[in-house]
Amino acid sequence: MSTTTTTHAIASADKLQSLERQLIEVRDHLCAMKHRLDEEIRDYPTPIPRCDAQFNHLFEQRARLNRMLERLEAPAIGADAFELLHEFVASSAYFDEPAEAALRARLGSELSHVGR
């Protein structure tokens, strides 16, 4: 195997490891967000009318989170991992908080480097 081939293989392996780490980070973030939503729903004052927009929004957010978490549970390699991460970065925020915005910004920047 030539030095160029070996260097390319190492760079590809490094990119895959980076994508895997980023997927784990996103999954951990989403699990924490789901836990927060579960607590907020559990602690919501009762009785809850069917037309309670805030409560219904919490349920919609949790369903959206669950869908993304299910997608992250399936093994993703290479282009699939890149696509999942890109989808997370491009999607609307689950919570309007600086930590989530920072995660999305950092991952977006890292993905632009990995894609090269």
C-alpha atoms as a PDB file:
ATOM      1  CA  MET A   1       0.000   0.000   0.000  1.00  0.00           C
ATOM      2  CA  SER A   2       1.434   3.377  -0.941  1.00  0.00           C
ATOM      3  CA  THR A   3       1.928   6.248   1.491  1.00  0.00           C
ATOM      4  CA  THR A   4      -0.783   8.258  -0.293  1.00  0.00           C
ATOM      5  CA  THR A   5      -3.277   5.426   0.022  1.00  0.00           C
ATOM      6  CA  THR A   6      -2.410   4.925   3.694  1.00  0.00           C
ATOM      7  CA  THR A   7      -2.730   8.661   4.421  1.00  0.00           C
ATOM      8  CA  HIS A   8      -6.101   8.751   2.646  1.00  0.00           C
ATOM      9  CA  ALA A   9      -7.328   5.704   4.591  1.00  0.00           C
ATOM     10  CA  ILE A  10      -6.263   7.290   7.904  1.00  0.00           C
ATOM     11  CA  ALA A  11      -7.985  10.571   6.989  1.00  0.00           C
ATOM     12  CA  SER A  12     -11.176   8.685   6.082  1.00  0.00           C
ATOM     13  CA  ALA A  13     -11.078   6.738   9.353  1.00  0.00           C
ATOM     14  CA  ASP A  14     -10.572   9.987  11.277  1.00  0.00           C
ATOM     15  CA  LYS A  15     -13.585  11.551   9.526  1.00  0.00           C
ATOM     16  CA  LEU A  16     -15.740   8.524  10.364  1.00  0.00           C
ATOM     17  CA  GLN A  17     -14.657   8.632  14.010  1.00  0.00           C
ATOM     18  CA  SER A  18     -15.421  12.343  14.113  1.00  0.00           C
ATOM     19  CA  LEU A  19     -18.908  11.739  12.679  1.00  0.00           C
ATOM     20  CA  GLU A  20     -19.522   8.957  15.215  1.00  0.00           C
ATOM     21  CA  ARG A  21     -18.481  11.225  18.109  1.00  0.00           C
ATOM     22  CA  GLN A  22     -20.751  13.978  16.816  1.00  0.00           C
ATOM     23  CA  LEU A  23     -23.700  11.579  16.506  1.00  0.00           C
ATOM     24  CA  ILE A  24     -23.167  10.447  20.102  1.00  0.00           C
ATOM     25  CA  GLU A  25     -23.020  14.071  21.228  1.00  0.00           C
ATOM     26  CA  VAL A  26     -26.273  14.892  19.409  1.00  0.00           C
ATOM     27  CA  ARG A  27     -27.954  11.769  20.815  1.00  0.00           C
ATOM     28  CA  ASP A  28     -26.862  12.672  24.346  1.00  0.00           C
ATOM     29  CA  HIS A  29     -28.108  16.240  23.879  1.00  0.00           C
ATOM     30  CA  LEU A  30     -31.473  15.039  22.571  1.00  0.00           C
ATOM     31  CA  CYS A  31     -31.823  12.528  25.412  1.00  0.00           C
ATOM     32  CA  ALA A  32     -31.261  15.350  27.909  1.00  0.00           C
ATOM     33  CA  MET A  33     -33.845  17.487  26.088  1.00  0.00           C
ATOM     34  CA  LYS A  34     -36.337  14.596  26.134  1.00  0.00           C
ATOM     35  CA  HIS A  35     -35.790  14.192  29.867  1.00  0.00           C
ATOM     36  CA  ARG A  36     -36.497  17.919  30.334  1.00  0.00           C
ATOM     37  CA  LEU A  37     -39.655  17.690  28.234  1.00  0.00           C
ATOM     38  CA  ASP A  38     -40.820  14.592  30.109  1.00  0.00           C
ATOM     39  CA  GLU A  39     -40.391  16.443  33.420  1.00  0.00           C
ATOM     40  CA  GLU A  40     -42.160  19.535  32.118  1.00  0.00           C
ATOM     41  CA  ILE A  41     -45.084  17.440  30.851  1.00  0.00           C
ATOM     42  CA  ARG A  42     -45.244  15.454  34.098  1.00  0.00           C
ATOM     43  CA  ASP A  43     -45.211  18.623  36.223  1.00  0.00           C
ATOM     44  CA  TYR A  44     -47.702  20.517  34.052  1.00  0.00           C
ATOM     45  CA  PRO A  45     -50.543  21.894  36.201  1.00  0.00           C
ATOM     46  CA  THR A  46     -53.775  19.943  35.998  1.00  0.00           C
ATOM     47  CA  PRO A  47     -56.497  19.832  34.866  1.00  0.00           C
ATOM     48  CA  ILE A  48     -55.265  20.260  31.293  1.00  0.00           C
ATOM     49  CA  PRO A  49     -57.852  21.360  28.743  1.00  0.00           C
ATOM     50  CA  ARG A  50     -57.605  19.744  25.305  1.00  0.00           C
ATOM     51  CA  CYS A  51     -57.099  23.146  23.700  1.00  0.00           C
ATOM     52  CA  ASP A  52     -54.070  24.082  25.856  1.00  0.00           C
ATOM     53  CA  ALA A  53     -51.664  25.270  23.145  1.00  0.00           C
ATOM     54  CA  GLN A  54     -48.563  25.248  25.371  1.00  0.00           C
ATOM     55  CA  PHE A  55     -49.189  21.685  26.570  1.00  0.00           C
ATOM     56  CA  ASN A  56     -49.914  20.486  23.025  1.00  0.00           C
ATOM     57  CA  HIS A  57     -46.677  22.143  21.870  1.00  0.00           C
ATOM     58  CA  LEU A  58     -44.742  20.212  24.516  1.00  0.00           C
ATOM     59  CA  PHE A  59     -46.226  16.949  23.221  1.00  0.00           C
ATOM     60  CA  GLU A  60     -45.358  17.874  19.620  1.00  0.00           C
ATOM     61  CA  GLN A  61     -41.784  18.721  20.635  1.00  0.00           C
ATOM     62  CA  ARG A  62     -41.437  15.390  22.431  1.00  0.00           C
ATOM     63  CA  ALA A  63     -42.785  13.490  19.413  1.00  0.00           C
ATOM     64  CA  ARG A  64     -40.303  15.308  17.160  1.00  0.00           C
ATOM     65  CA  LEU A  65     -37.484  14.487  19.569  1.00  0.00           C
ATOM     66  CA  ASN A  66     -38.522  10.840  19.700  1.00  0.00           C
ATOM     67  CA  ARG A  67     -38.501  10.599  15.889  1.00  0.00           C
ATOM     68  CA  MET A  68     -34.975  12.003  15.701  1.00  0.00           C
ATOM     69  CA  LEU A  69     -33.770   9.759  18.531  1.00  0.00           C
ATOM     70  CA  GLU A  70     -35.176   6.710  16.735  1.00  0.00           C
ATOM     71  CA  ARG A  71     -33.245   7.681  13.611  1.00  0.00           C
ATOM     72  CA  LEU A  72     -30.075   8.104  15.664  1.00  0.00           C
ATOM     73  CA  GLU A  73     -30.474   4.638  17.194  1.00  0.00           C
ATOM     74  CA  ALA A  74     -30.099   2.954  13.794  1.00  0.00           C
ATOM     75  CA  PRO A  75     -26.471   2.404  12.795  1.00  0.00           C
ATOM     76  CA  ALA A  76     -25.288   5.240  10.568  1.00  0.00           C
ATOM     77  CA  ILE A  77     -21.974   5.318   8.778  1.00  0.00           C
ATOM     78  CA  GLY A  78     -20.405   7.658   6.297  1.00  0.00           C
ATOM     79  CA  ALA A  79     -22.948   9.568   4.237  1.00  0.00           C
ATOM     80  CA  ASP A  80     -25.843   8.492   6.489  1.00  0.00           C
ATOM     81  CA  ALA A  81     -24.117   9.874   9.579  1.00  0.00           C
ATOM     82  CA  PHE A  82     -23.246  13.080   7.770  1.00  0.00           C
ATOM     83  CA  GLU A  83     -26.873  13.443   6.609  1.00  0.00           C
ATOM     84  CA  LEU A  84     -28.277  12.881  10.122  1.00  0.00           C
ATOM     85  CA  LEU A  85     -25.940  15.465  11.601  1.00  0.00           C
ATOM     86  CA  HIS A  86     -26.735  17.936   8.852  1.00  0.00           C
ATOM     87  CA  GLU A  87     -30.462  17.369   9.444  1.00  0.00           C
ATOM     88  CA  PHE A  88     -30.025  18.117  13.168  1.00  0.00           C
ATOM     89  CA  VAL A  89     -28.043  21.290  12.494  1.00  0.00           C
ATOM     90  CA  ALA A  90     -30.576  22.518   9.913  1.00  0.00           C
ATOM     91  CA  SER A  91     -33.692  21.659  11.946  1.00  0.00           C
ATOM     92  CA  SER A  92     -35.435  24.124  14.201  1.00  0.00           C
ATOM     93  CA  ALA A  93     -34.239  24.214  17.801  1.00  0.00           C
ATOM     94  CA  TYR A  94     -35.910  22.062  20.416  1.00  0.00           C
ATOM     95  CA  PHE A  95     -35.289  24.701  23.074  1.00  0.00           C
ATOM     96  CA  ASP A  96     -34.403  28.336  22.681  1.00  0.00           C
ATOM     97  CA  GLU A  97     -31.234  28.248  24.716  1.00  0.00           C
ATOM     98  CA  PRO A  98     -27.615  29.287  24.147  1.00  0.00           C
ATOM     99  CA  ALA A  99     -26.196  25.771  24.743  1.00  0.00           C
ATOM    100  CA  GLU A 100     -28.250  24.242  21.933  1.00  0.00           C
ATOM    101  CA  ALA A 101     -27.467  27.131  19.595  1.00  0.00           C
ATOM    102  CA  ALA A 102     -23.755  26.730  20.356  1.00  0.00           C
ATOM    103  CA  LEU A 103     -23.908  22.968  19.705  1.00  0.00           C
ATOM    104  CA  ARG A 104     -25.641  23.510  16.364  1.00  0.00           C
ATOM    105  CA  ALA A 105     -23.161  26.230  15.337  1.00  0.00           C
ATOM    106  CA  ARG A 106     -20.114  24.144  16.296  1.00  0.00           C
ATOM    107  CA  LEU A 107     -21.417  21.016  14.570  1.00  0.00           C
ATOM    108  CA  GLY A 108     -22.272  23.031  11.464  1.00  0.00           C
ATOM    109  CA  SER A 109     -18.720  24.343  11.345  1.00  0.00           C
ATOM    110  CA  GLU A 110     -17.220  20.886  11.938  1.00  0.00           C
ATOM    111  CA  LEU A 111     -19.441  19.333   9.267  1.00  0.00           C
ATOM    112  CA  SER A 112     -18.253  21.858   6.710  1.00  0.00           C
ATOM    113  CA  HIS A 113     -14.670  20.691   7.410  1.00  0.00           C
ATOM    114  CA  VAL A 114     -15.526  16.968   7.397  1.00  0.00           C
ATOM    115  CA  GLY A 115     -17.353  17.252   4.086  1.00  0.00           C
ATOM    116  CA  ARG A 116     -14.152  18.402   2.383  1.00  0.00           C
END
